[in-house]
């Protein structure tokens, strides 16, 4: 054998950037065995050993474990196979880091309590499959009856919330609130009552009885009040509500007194449950969809104004 093709352990160290101690460890473990030894007993390595060491160093820097690298060097696994598997594993790690960063940003902005931090962390670390199972349990628990309306079930499933890999702080907070909401039995009962109407897309209750002309007038007046920045709890909302109450009282042949105003608020709350509206708003936030000020802008303002007027 031509001695010039052999490298001492010191020469390998200079060529690969690995320390002598590290090369000796790999040599002793059999990952890169010496080709031969000098008459004085020093280890000598050929060009193939040098290439193995260079590949080993590269794969280690990419985060691969030594047993897997050894299988690559022994040609039991191809570099492509290992790279694909390792890339998948890194995707999971990156997703976890992005989620942790989002949780930390929410904590920093909200000053969350230790309990809330633990809840956020636990919920955001759920896998995609576990996210789906959480919503599946909600849908099945809410509409899991024989006579469940297929259109309502399809509507809820079509808008399944899906937390992205790199969520914003707002999306993390929305997902945590959403996860708590769907586990509430009272909310599930409310969802059952309103989902059928929403899926059908037709007015019911007070909307139907009041007639489309009055309902269109109501939506227009409340929209104008909202656009003008009128707080439903302010004195500026009083003339708007007074006018609407009198119009509704005339249609329903009722006296526009406090009892009637309270009845109106109850009717609109039944048709447009605020917690159900909140559910859809949270779904839009989690999925990154464009969010309007409210799911149904008219009714939250109208109900607040009626309730405030009754209290006054």
C-alpha atoms as a PDB file:
ATOM      1  CA  UNK A   1       0.000   0.000   0.000  1.00  0.00           C
ATOM      2  CA  UNK A   2       1.229   3.481  -0.908  1.00  0.00           C
ATOM      3  CA  UNK A   3       1.840   5.293   2.402  1.00  0.00           C
ATOM      4  CA  UNK A   4       1.002   8.658   0.816  1.00  0.00           C
ATOM      5  CA  UNK A   5      -2.678   7.590   0.555  1.00  0.00           C
ATOM      6  CA  UNK A   6      -2.910   7.123   4.321  1.00  0.00           C
ATOM      7  CA  UNK A   7      -3.657   9.800   6.917  1.00  0.00           C
ATOM      8  CA  UNK A   8      -2.730   9.976  10.527  1.00  0.00           C
ATOM      9  CA  UNK A   9      -5.436  10.839  13.051  1.00  0.00           C
ATOM     10  CA  UNK A  10      -3.952  14.336  13.329  1.00  0.00           C
ATOM     11  CA  UNK A  11      -4.189  14.843   9.564  1.00  0.00           C
ATOM     12  CA  UNK A  12      -7.801  13.662   9.608  1.00  0.00           C
ATOM     13  CA  UNK A  13      -8.509  16.175  12.341  1.00  0.00           C
ATOM     14  CA  UNK A  14      -7.093  19.024  10.251  1.00  0.00           C
ATOM     15  CA  UNK A  15      -8.987  17.961   7.112  1.00  0.00           C
ATOM     16  CA  UNK A  16     -12.380  17.313   8.731  1.00  0.00           C
ATOM     17  CA  UNK A  17     -12.393  19.885  11.514  1.00  0.00           C
ATOM     18  CA  UNK A  18     -13.124  17.165  14.066  1.00  0.00           C
ATOM     19  CA  UNK A  19     -11.041  16.900  17.186  1.00  0.00           C
ATOM     20  CA  UNK A  20      -8.549  14.052  17.616  1.00  0.00           C
ATOM     21  CA  UNK A  21     -10.514  12.918  20.639  1.00  0.00           C
ATOM     22  CA  UNK A  22     -13.767  12.757  18.617  1.00  0.00           C
ATOM     23  CA  UNK A  23     -12.129  10.828  15.756  1.00  0.00           C
ATOM     24  CA  UNK A  24     -10.652   8.407  18.277  1.00  0.00           C
ATOM     25  CA  UNK A  25     -14.131   7.881  19.766  1.00  0.00           C
ATOM     26  CA  UNK A  26     -15.618   7.125  16.330  1.00  0.00           C
ATOM     27  CA  UNK A  27     -12.706   4.832  15.618  1.00  0.00           C
ATOM     28  CA  UNK A  28     -13.058   2.929  18.904  1.00  0.00           C
ATOM     29  CA  UNK A  29     -16.813   2.547  18.358  1.00  0.00           C
ATOM     30  CA  UNK A  30     -16.202   1.065  14.888  1.00  0.00           C
ATOM     31  CA  UNK A  31     -18.009   3.799  12.964  1.00  0.00           C
ATOM     32  CA  UNK A  32     -14.819   4.806  11.146  1.00  0.00           C
ATOM     33  CA  UNK A  33     -12.248   2.098  11.785  1.00  0.00           C
ATOM     34  CA  UNK A  34      -8.559   2.678  10.965  1.00  0.00           C
ATOM     35  CA  UNK A  35      -7.407   1.191   7.675  1.00  0.00           C
ATOM     36  CA  UNK A  36      -4.122  -0.031   9.173  1.00  0.00           C
ATOM     37  CA  UNK A  37      -1.504   0.964  11.733  1.00  0.00           C
ATOM     38  CA  UNK A  38       2.001   2.313  11.361  1.00  0.00           C
ATOM     39  CA  UNK A  39       5.013   0.224  12.500  1.00  0.00           C
ATOM     40  CA  UNK A  40       4.889   2.295  15.697  1.00  0.00           C
ATOM     41  CA  UNK A  41       1.239   1.327  16.236  1.00  0.00           C
ATOM     42  CA  UNK A  42      -0.379   4.637  15.240  1.00  0.00           C
ATOM     43  CA  UNK A  43      -3.720   4.522  13.453  1.00  0.00           C
ATOM     44  CA  UNK A  44      -3.748   5.292   9.741  1.00  0.00           C
ATOM     45  CA  UNK A  45      -6.829   6.039   7.612  1.00  0.00           C
ATOM     46  CA  UNK A  46      -7.391   5.922   3.873  1.00  0.00           C
ATOM     47  CA  UNK A  47      -9.393   8.228   1.594  1.00  0.00           C
ATOM     48  CA  UNK A  48     -12.602   6.230   2.153  1.00  0.00           C
ATOM     49  CA  UNK A  49     -12.290   6.749   5.917  1.00  0.00           C
ATOM     50  CA  UNK A  50     -11.803  10.471   5.328  1.00  0.00           C
ATOM     51  CA  UNK A  51     -14.990  10.615   3.260  1.00  0.00           C
ATOM     52  CA  UNK A  52     -16.915   8.629   5.889  1.00  0.00           C
ATOM     53  CA  UNK A  53     -15.794  11.092   8.545  1.00  0.00           C
ATOM     54  CA  UNK A  54     -16.811  14.080   6.432  1.00  0.00           C
ATOM     55  CA  UNK A  55     -20.266  12.597   5.807  1.00  0.00           C
ATOM     56  CA  UNK A  56     -20.572  11.665   9.479  1.00  0.00           C
ATOM     57  CA  UNK A  57     -19.759  15.226  10.540  1.00  0.00           C
ATOM     58  CA  UNK A  58     -22.323  16.666   8.095  1.00  0.00           C
ATOM     59  CA  UNK A  59     -25.085  14.328   9.251  1.00  0.00           C
ATOM     60  CA  UNK A  60     -24.315  15.010  12.914  1.00  0.00           C
ATOM     61  CA  UNK A  61     -24.519  18.754  12.277  1.00  0.00           C
ATOM     62  CA  UNK A  62     -27.962  18.117  10.776  1.00  0.00           C
ATOM     63  CA  UNK A  63     -28.961  16.526  14.074  1.00  0.00           C
ATOM     64  CA  UNK A  64     -28.986  12.845  13.169  1.00  0.00           C
ATOM     65  CA  UNK A  65     -28.208  10.293  15.844  1.00  0.00           C
ATOM     66  CA  UNK A  66     -25.093   8.112  15.659  1.00  0.00           C
ATOM     67  CA  UNK A  67     -26.847   4.718  15.231  1.00  0.00           C
ATOM     68  CA  UNK A  68     -28.747   6.040  12.205  1.00  0.00           C
ATOM     69  CA  UNK A  69     -25.574   7.545  10.736  1.00  0.00           C
ATOM     70  CA  UNK A  70     -23.808   4.235  11.154  1.00  0.00           C
ATOM     71  CA  UNK A  71     -26.554   2.510   9.147  1.00  0.00           C
ATOM     72  CA  UNK A  72     -26.093   5.112   6.397  1.00  0.00           C
ATOM     73  CA  UNK A  73     -22.320   4.603   6.355  1.00  0.00           C
ATOM     74  CA  UNK A  74     -22.832   0.837   6.228  1.00  0.00           C
ATOM     75  CA  UNK A  75     -25.256   1.340   3.318  1.00  0.00           C
ATOM     76  CA  UNK A  76     -28.185  -0.155   5.229  1.00  0.00           C
ATOM     77  CA  UNK A  77     -30.061   3.110   4.679  1.00  0.00           C
ATOM     78  CA  UNK A  78     -29.743   5.649   1.910  1.00  0.00           C
ATOM     79  CA  UNK A  79     -29.001   9.276   2.685  1.00  0.00           C
ATOM     80  CA  UNK A  80     -32.253  10.199   0.925  1.00  0.00           C
ATOM     81  CA  UNK A  81     -34.335   7.930   3.165  1.00  0.00           C
ATOM     82  CA  UNK A  82     -32.732   9.261   6.319  1.00  0.00           C
ATOM     83  CA  UNK A  83     -32.984  12.858   5.147  1.00  0.00           C
ATOM     84  CA  UNK A  84     -36.708  12.498   4.418  1.00  0.00           C
ATOM     85  CA  UNK A  85     -37.418  10.984   7.829  1.00  0.00           C
ATOM     86  CA  UNK A  86     -35.303  13.555   9.602  1.00  0.00           C
ATOM     87  CA  UNK A  87     -36.955  16.408   7.719  1.00  0.00           C
ATOM     88  CA  UNK A  88     -40.368  15.150   8.854  1.00  0.00           C
ATOM     89  CA  UNK A  89     -39.166  15.033  12.439  1.00  0.00           C
ATOM     90  CA  UNK A  90     -37.786  18.556  12.151  1.00  0.00           C
ATOM     91  CA  UNK A  91     -41.143  19.759  10.796  1.00  0.00           C
ATOM     92  CA  UNK A  92     -42.773  18.565  14.013  1.00  0.00           C
ATOM     93  CA  UNK A  93     -40.084  20.249  16.115  1.00  0.00           C
ATOM     94  CA  UNK A  94     -40.464  23.507  14.185  1.00  0.00           C
ATOM     95  CA  UNK A  95     -44.225  23.421  14.642  1.00  0.00           C
ATOM     96  CA  UNK A  96     -43.815  22.924  18.389  1.00  0.00           C
ATOM     97  CA  UNK A  97     -41.370  25.830  18.596  1.00  0.00           C
ATOM     98  CA  UNK A  98     -43.692  28.105  16.628  1.00  0.00           C
ATOM     99  CA  UNK A  99     -46.605  27.196  18.895  1.00  0.00           C
ATOM    100  CA  UNK A 100     -44.537  27.818  22.014  1.00  0.00           C
ATOM    101  CA  UNK A 101     -43.499  31.200  20.645  1.00  0.00           C
ATOM    102  CA  UNK A 102     -47.148  32.095  20.017  1.00  0.00           C
ATOM    103  CA  UNK A 103     -48.142  31.035  23.536  1.00  0.00           C
ATOM    104  CA  UNK A 104     -45.328  33.116  25.033  1.00  0.00           C
ATOM    105  CA  UNK A 105     -46.459  36.152  23.052  1.00  0.00           C
ATOM    106  CA  UNK A 106     -50.021  35.746  24.345  1.00  0.00           C
ATOM    107  CA  UNK A 107     -48.709  35.382  27.909  1.00  0.00           C
ATOM    108  CA  UNK A 108     -46.548  38.495  27.500  1.00  0.00           C
ATOM    109  CA  UNK A 109     -49.413  40.590  26.131  1.00  0.00           C
ATOM    110  CA  UNK A 110     -52.155  39.390  28.495  1.00  0.00           C
ATOM    111  CA  UNK A 111     -50.267  38.786  31.722  1.00  0.00           C
ATOM    112  CA  UNK A 112     -51.818  35.328  31.926  1.00  0.00           C
ATOM    113  CA  UNK A 113     -52.143  33.444  35.203  1.00  0.00           C
ATOM    114  CA  UNK A 114     -50.156  30.193  35.731  1.00  0.00           C
ATOM    115  CA  UNK A 115     -53.361  28.177  35.216  1.00  0.00           C
ATOM    116  CA  UNK A 116     -54.126  29.905  31.922  1.00  0.00           C
ATOM    117  CA  UNK A 117     -50.547  29.409  30.730  1.00  0.00           C
ATOM    118  CA  UNK A 118     -50.778  25.669  31.430  1.00  0.00           C
ATOM    119  CA  UNK A 119     -54.108  25.451  29.608  1.00  0.00           C
ATOM    120  CA  UNK A 120     -52.814  27.329  26.552  1.00  0.00           C
ATOM    121  CA  UNK A 121     -49.703  25.186  26.394  1.00  0.00           C
ATOM    122  CA  UNK A 122     -51.662  21.941  26.705  1.00  0.00           C
ATOM    123  CA  UNK A 123     -54.244  22.862  24.073  1.00  0.00           C
ATOM    124  CA  UNK A 124     -51.773  24.192  21.507  1.00  0.00           C
ATOM    125  CA  UNK A 125     -49.638  21.046  21.768  1.00  0.00           C
ATOM    126  CA  UNK A 126     -52.520  18.848  20.640  1.00  0.00           C
ATOM    127  CA  UNK A 127     -51.811  17.166  17.319  1.00  0.00           C
ATOM    128  CA  UNK A 128     -53.883  17.919  14.234  1.00  0.00           C
ATOM    129  CA  UNK A 129     -55.726  14.628  14.759  1.00  0.00           C
ATOM    130  CA  UNK A 130     -56.469  15.553  18.379  1.00  0.00           C
ATOM    131  CA  UNK A 131     -57.749  18.963  17.252  1.00  0.00           C
ATOM    132  CA  UNK A 132     -60.161  17.227  14.880  1.00  0.00           C
ATOM    133  CA  UNK A 133     -61.219  14.773  17.583  1.00  0.00           C
ATOM    134  CA  UNK A 134     -62.039  17.674  19.905  1.00  0.00           C
ATOM    135  CA  UNK A 135     -64.380  19.170  17.315  1.00  0.00           C
ATOM    136  CA  UNK A 136     -65.764  15.746  16.330  1.00  0.00           C
ATOM    137  CA  UNK A 137     -66.685  15.130  19.967  1.00  0.00           C
ATOM    138  CA  UNK A 138     -68.404  18.513  20.035  1.00  0.00           C
ATOM    139  CA  UNK A 139     -70.386  17.859  16.832  1.00  0.00           C
ATOM    140  CA  UNK A 140     -71.326  14.322  17.882  1.00  0.00           C
ATOM    141  CA  UNK A 141     -72.264  15.456  21.371  1.00  0.00           C
ATOM    142  CA  UNK A 142     -74.323  18.346  20.016  1.00  0.00           C
ATOM    143  CA  UNK A 143     -76.022  16.695  17.046  1.00  0.00           C
ATOM    144  CA  UNK A 144     -75.598  13.026  17.892  1.00  0.00           C
ATOM    145  CA  UNK A 145     -79.318  12.286  17.823  1.00  0.00           C
ATOM    146  CA  UNK A 146     -81.193  10.275  15.241  1.00  0.00           C
ATOM    147  CA  UNK A 147     -83.253  13.290  14.167  1.00  0.00           C
ATOM    148  CA  UNK A 148     -80.281  15.674  13.915  1.00  0.00           C
ATOM    149  CA  UNK A 149     -80.613  18.066  10.990  1.00  0.00           C
ATOM    150  CA  UNK A 150     -78.073  16.977   8.296  1.00  0.00           C
ATOM    151  CA  UNK A 151     -77.730  20.540   6.960  1.00  0.00           C
ATOM    152  CA  UNK A 152     -76.872  21.883  10.412  1.00  0.00           C
ATOM    153  CA  UNK A 153     -74.281  19.150  11.002  1.00  0.00           C
ATOM    154  CA  UNK A 154     -72.748  19.738   7.562  1.00  0.00           C
ATOM    155  CA  UNK A 155     -72.573  23.490   8.205  1.00  0.00           C
ATOM    156  CA  UNK A 156     -70.660  23.019  11.476  1.00  0.00           C
ATOM    157  CA  UNK A 157     -68.305  20.408  10.006  1.00  0.00           C
ATOM    158  CA  UNK A 158     -67.585  22.551   6.946  1.00  0.00           C
ATOM    159  CA  UNK A 159     -66.218  25.257   9.245  1.00  0.00           C
ATOM    160  CA  UNK A 160     -63.996  23.063  11.392  1.00  0.00           C
ATOM    161  CA  UNK A 161     -61.409  25.219  13.201  1.00  0.00           C
ATOM    162  CA  UNK A 162     -57.841  24.323  12.256  1.00  0.00           C
ATOM    163  CA  UNK A 163     -55.034  25.997  14.203  1.00  0.00           C
ATOM    164  CA  UNK A 164     -52.163  26.774  11.761  1.00  0.00           C
ATOM    165  CA  UNK A 165     -48.560  25.709  12.394  1.00  0.00           C
ATOM    166  CA  UNK A 166     -47.447  29.283  13.031  1.00  0.00           C
ATOM    167  CA  UNK A 167     -50.451  30.888  14.730  1.00  0.00           C
ATOM    168  CA  UNK A 168     -50.698  34.486  15.794  1.00  0.00           C
ATOM    169  CA  UNK A 169     -51.287  35.345  19.424  1.00  0.00           C
ATOM    170  CA  UNK A 170     -54.899  36.140  18.549  1.00  0.00           C
ATOM    171  CA  UNK A 171     -55.355  32.687  16.992  1.00  0.00           C
ATOM    172  CA  UNK A 172     -53.898  30.953  20.049  1.00  0.00           C
ATOM    173  CA  UNK A 173     -56.192  32.889  22.380  1.00  0.00           C
ATOM    174  CA  UNK A 174     -59.192  32.155  20.119  1.00  0.00           C
ATOM    175  CA  UNK A 175     -58.360  28.437  20.006  1.00  0.00           C
ATOM    176  CA  UNK A 176     -58.124  28.228  23.806  1.00  0.00           C
ATOM    177  CA  UNK A 177     -61.467  30.014  24.209  1.00  0.00           C
ATOM    178  CA  UNK A 178     -63.016  27.830  21.508  1.00  0.00           C
ATOM    179  CA  UNK A 179     -61.784  24.617  23.148  1.00  0.00           C
ATOM    180  CA  UNK A 180     -63.371  25.657  26.448  1.00  0.00           C
ATOM    181  CA  UNK A 181     -66.602  26.702  24.728  1.00  0.00           C
ATOM    182  CA  UNK A 182     -67.217  23.428  22.878  1.00  0.00           C
ATOM    183  CA  UNK A 183     -66.837  21.482  26.113  1.00  0.00           C
ATOM    184  CA  UNK A 184     -69.675  23.422  27.781  1.00  0.00           C
ATOM    185  CA  UNK A 185     -72.942  21.422  27.819  1.00  0.00           C
ATOM    186  CA  UNK A 186     -75.061  24.557  28.095  1.00  0.00           C
ATOM    187  CA  UNK A 187     -73.407  25.948  24.977  1.00  0.00           C
ATOM    188  CA  UNK A 188     -74.041  22.698  23.091  1.00  0.00           C
ATOM    189  CA  UNK A 189     -77.745  23.010  23.860  1.00  0.00           C
ATOM    190  CA  UNK A 190     -77.728  26.592  22.567  1.00  0.00           C
ATOM    191  CA  UNK A 191     -75.886  25.494  19.432  1.00  0.00           C
ATOM    192  CA  UNK A 192     -78.510  22.852  18.727  1.00  0.00           C
ATOM    193  CA  UNK A 193     -81.297  25.433  18.923  1.00  0.00           C
ATOM    194  CA  UNK A 194     -79.718  27.928  16.539  1.00  0.00           C
ATOM    195  CA  UNK A 195     -77.767  25.786  14.053  1.00  0.00           C
ATOM    196  CA  UNK A 196     -80.885  24.497  12.285  1.00  0.00           C
ATOM    197  CA  UNK A 197     -82.121  28.044  11.651  1.00  0.00           C
ATOM    198  CA  UNK A 198     -78.705  29.198  10.480  1.00  0.00           C
ATOM    199  CA  UNK A 199     -78.356  26.203   8.148  1.00  0.00           C
ATOM    200  CA  UNK A 200     -81.793  26.846   6.651  1.00  0.00           C
ATOM    201  CA  UNK A 201     -80.973  30.535   6.143  1.00  0.00           C
ATOM    202  CA  UNK A 202     -84.522  31.641   6.844  1.00  0.00           C
ATOM    203  CA  UNK A 203     -85.991  33.941   9.522  1.00  0.00           C
ATOM    204  CA  UNK A 204     -87.844  32.438  12.472  1.00  0.00           C
ATOM    205  CA  UNK A 205     -89.472  33.736  15.623  1.00  0.00           C
ATOM    206  CA  UNK A 206     -89.640  37.510  15.956  1.00  0.00           C
ATOM    207  CA  UNK A 207     -87.933  38.049  12.594  1.00  0.00           C
ATOM    208  CA  UNK A 208     -90.616  36.118  10.757  1.00  0.00           C
ATOM    209  CA  UNK A 209     -93.528  37.646  12.686  1.00  0.00           C
ATOM    210  CA  UNK A 210     -92.220  41.206  12.344  1.00  0.00           C
ATOM    211  CA  UNK A 211     -91.982  40.905   8.571  1.00  0.00           C
ATOM    212  CA  UNK A 212     -89.143  41.557   6.164  1.00  0.00           C
ATOM    213  CA  UNK A 213     -89.915  45.266   5.756  1.00  0.00           C
ATOM    214  CA  UNK A 214     -89.555  46.037   9.475  1.00  0.00           C
ATOM    215  CA  UNK A 215     -86.536  43.757   9.841  1.00  0.00           C
ATOM    216  CA  UNK A 216     -84.789  45.461   6.911  1.00  0.00           C
ATOM    217  CA  UNK A 217     -85.571  48.865   8.434  1.00  0.00           C
ATOM    218  CA  UNK A 218     -84.170  47.659  11.794  1.00  0.00           C
ATOM    219  CA  UNK A 219     -80.952  46.372  10.228  1.00  0.00           C
ATOM    220  CA  UNK A 220     -80.507  49.653   8.376  1.00  0.00           C
ATOM    221  CA  UNK A 221     -81.049  51.842  11.473  1.00  0.00           C
ATOM    222  CA  UNK A 222     -78.753  49.791  13.689  1.00  0.00           C
ATOM    223  CA  UNK A 223     -76.099  49.657  10.972  1.00  0.00           C
ATOM    224  CA  UNK A 224     -76.229  53.455  10.735  1.00  0.00           C
ATOM    225  CA  UNK A 225     -75.919  53.755  14.527  1.00  0.00           C
ATOM    226  CA  UNK A 226     -72.929  51.431  14.567  1.00  0.00           C
ATOM    227  CA  UNK A 227     -71.295  53.292  11.703  1.00  0.00           C
ATOM    228  CA  UNK A 228     -71.766  56.558  13.600  1.00  0.00           C
ATOM    229  CA  UNK A 229     -69.996  55.038  16.584  1.00  0.00           C
ATOM    230  CA  UNK A 230     -73.049  55.096  18.858  1.00  0.00           C
ATOM    231  CA  UNK A 231     -72.519  52.942  21.932  1.00  0.00           C
ATOM    232  CA  UNK A 232     -75.634  50.805  22.610  1.00  0.00           C
ATOM    233  CA  UNK A 233     -75.293  51.685  26.308  1.00  0.00           C
ATOM    234  CA  UNK A 234     -75.124  55.444  25.740  1.00  0.00           C
ATOM    235  CA  UNK A 235     -77.826  58.113  25.742  1.00  0.00           C
ATOM    236  CA  UNK A 236     -77.328  58.526  21.993  1.00  0.00           C
ATOM    237  CA  UNK A 237     -78.818  55.062  21.483  1.00  0.00           C
ATOM    238  CA  UNK A 238     -82.097  55.970  23.242  1.00  0.00           C
ATOM    239  CA  UNK A 239     -83.895  57.683  20.307  1.00  0.00           C
ATOM    240  CA  UNK A 240     -82.887  54.844  17.959  1.00  0.00           C
ATOM    241  CA  UNK A 241     -84.298  52.226  20.327  1.00  0.00           C
ATOM    242  CA  UNK A 242     -87.420  54.248  21.122  1.00  0.00           C
ATOM    243  CA  UNK A 243     -88.265  54.491  17.444  1.00  0.00           C
ATOM    244  CA  UNK A 244     -87.718  50.772  16.836  1.00  0.00           C
ATOM    245  CA  UNK A 245     -89.676  49.718  19.925  1.00  0.00           C
ATOM    246  CA  UNK A 246     -92.680  51.781  18.845  1.00  0.00           C
ATOM    247  CA  UNK A 247     -92.581  50.287  15.345  1.00  0.00           C
ATOM    248  CA  UNK A 248     -92.410  46.737  16.692  1.00  0.00           C
ATOM    249  CA  UNK A 249     -95.165  47.449  19.233  1.00  0.00           C
ATOM    250  CA  UNK A 250     -97.428  48.647  16.433  1.00  0.00           C
ATOM    251  CA  UNK A 251     -96.839  45.476  14.390  1.00  0.00           C
ATOM    252  CA  UNK A 252     -97.414  43.212  17.387  1.00  0.00           C
ATOM    253  CA  UNK A 253    -100.308  45.287  18.763  1.00  0.00           C
ATOM    254  CA  UNK A 254     -98.513  45.729  22.088  1.00  0.00           C
ATOM    255  CA  UNK A 255     -97.817  48.644  24.401  1.00  0.00           C
ATOM    256  CA  UNK A 256     -94.198  49.916  23.972  1.00  0.00           C
ATOM    257  CA  UNK A 257     -93.477  49.695  27.675  1.00  0.00           C
ATOM    258  CA  UNK A 258     -90.612  48.148  29.657  1.00  0.00           C
ATOM    259  CA  UNK A 259     -92.193  44.697  29.587  1.00  0.00           C
ATOM    260  CA  UNK A 260     -92.416  44.801  25.791  1.00  0.00           C
ATOM    261  CA  UNK A 261     -88.800  45.948  25.466  1.00  0.00           C
ATOM    262  CA  UNK A 262     -87.724  43.084  27.704  1.00  0.00           C
ATOM    263  CA  UNK A 263     -89.751  40.686  25.563  1.00  0.00           C
ATOM    264  CA  UNK A 264     -88.090  41.999  22.408  1.00  0.00           C
ATOM    265  CA  UNK A 265     -84.619  41.464  23.901  1.00  0.00           C
ATOM    266  CA  UNK A 266     -85.528  37.892  24.887  1.00  0.00           C
ATOM    267  CA  UNK A 267     -86.847  37.132  21.414  1.00  0.00           C
ATOM    268  CA  UNK A 268     -83.735  38.400  19.657  1.00  0.00           C
ATOM    269  CA  UNK A 269     -81.484  36.573  22.136  1.00  0.00           C
ATOM    270  CA  UNK A 270     -83.327  33.341  21.399  1.00  0.00           C
ATOM    271  CA  UNK A 271     -82.914  33.764  17.653  1.00  0.00           C
ATOM    272  CA  UNK A 272     -79.329  35.051  17.768  1.00  0.00           C
ATOM    273  CA  UNK A 273     -77.593  33.579  20.769  1.00  0.00           C
ATOM    274  CA  UNK A 274     -74.475  35.664  21.609  1.00  0.00           C
ATOM    275  CA  UNK A 275     -72.433  32.584  22.564  1.00  0.00           C
ATOM    276  CA  UNK A 276     -73.221  30.885  19.257  1.00  0.00           C
ATOM    277  CA  UNK A 277     -72.249  34.054  17.430  1.00  0.00           C
ATOM    278  CA  UNK A 278     -69.042  34.037  19.482  1.00  0.00           C
ATOM    279  CA  UNK A 279     -68.335  30.450  18.392  1.00  0.00           C
ATOM    280  CA  UNK A 280     -68.455  31.396  14.723  1.00  0.00           C
ATOM    281  CA  UNK A 281     -66.300  34.461  15.303  1.00  0.00           C
ATOM    282  CA  UNK A 282     -63.669  32.317  17.058  1.00  0.00           C
ATOM    283  CA  UNK A 283     -63.734  29.789  14.197  1.00  0.00           C
ATOM    284  CA  UNK A 284     -63.058  32.587  11.717  1.00  0.00           C
ATOM    285  CA  UNK A 285     -60.144  33.872  13.798  1.00  0.00           C
ATOM    286  CA  UNK A 286     -58.546  30.429  14.249  1.00  0.00           C
ATOM    287  CA  UNK A 287     -58.849  29.644  10.530  1.00  0.00           C
ATOM    288  CA  UNK A 288     -57.483  33.039   9.523  1.00  0.00           C
ATOM    289  CA  UNK A 289     -60.657  33.986   7.654  1.00  0.00           C
ATOM    290  CA  UNK A 290     -61.714  37.595   7.235  1.00  0.00           C
ATOM    291  CA  UNK A 291     -63.650  38.580  10.340  1.00  0.00           C
ATOM    292  CA  UNK A 292     -66.477  41.113  10.222  1.00  0.00           C
ATOM    293  CA  UNK A 293     -67.145  43.167  13.386  1.00  0.00           C
ATOM    294  CA  UNK A 294     -69.782  40.621  14.460  1.00  0.00           C
ATOM    295  CA  UNK A 295     -71.185  37.490  12.875  1.00  0.00           C
ATOM    296  CA  UNK A 296     -74.594  39.180  12.773  1.00  0.00           C
ATOM    297  CA  UNK A 297     -73.738  42.867  13.352  1.00  0.00           C
ATOM    298  CA  UNK A 298     -77.282  44.103  14.056  1.00  0.00           C
ATOM    299  CA  UNK A 299     -78.431  41.910  16.896  1.00  0.00           C
ATOM    300  CA  UNK A 300     -75.690  42.178  19.549  1.00  0.00           C
ATOM    301  CA  UNK A 301     -75.993  45.988  19.411  1.00  0.00           C
ATOM    302  CA  UNK A 302     -79.799  45.855  19.428  1.00  0.00           C
ATOM    303  CA  UNK A 303     -79.993  43.421  22.362  1.00  0.00           C
ATOM    304  CA  UNK A 304     -77.514  45.441  24.425  1.00  0.00           C
ATOM    305  CA  UNK A 305     -79.442  48.656  23.774  1.00  0.00           C
ATOM    306  CA  UNK A 306     -82.793  47.045  24.671  1.00  0.00           C
ATOM    307  CA  UNK A 307     -81.385  45.554  27.870  1.00  0.00           C
ATOM    308  CA  UNK A 308     -79.836  48.861  28.872  1.00  0.00           C
ATOM    309  CA  UNK A 309     -83.092  50.651  28.161  1.00  0.00           C
ATOM    310  CA  UNK A 310     -85.011  48.158  30.350  1.00  0.00           C
ATOM    311  CA  UNK A 311     -82.527  48.637  33.197  1.00  0.00           C
ATOM    312  CA  UNK A 312     -82.841  52.406  32.932  1.00  0.00           C
END
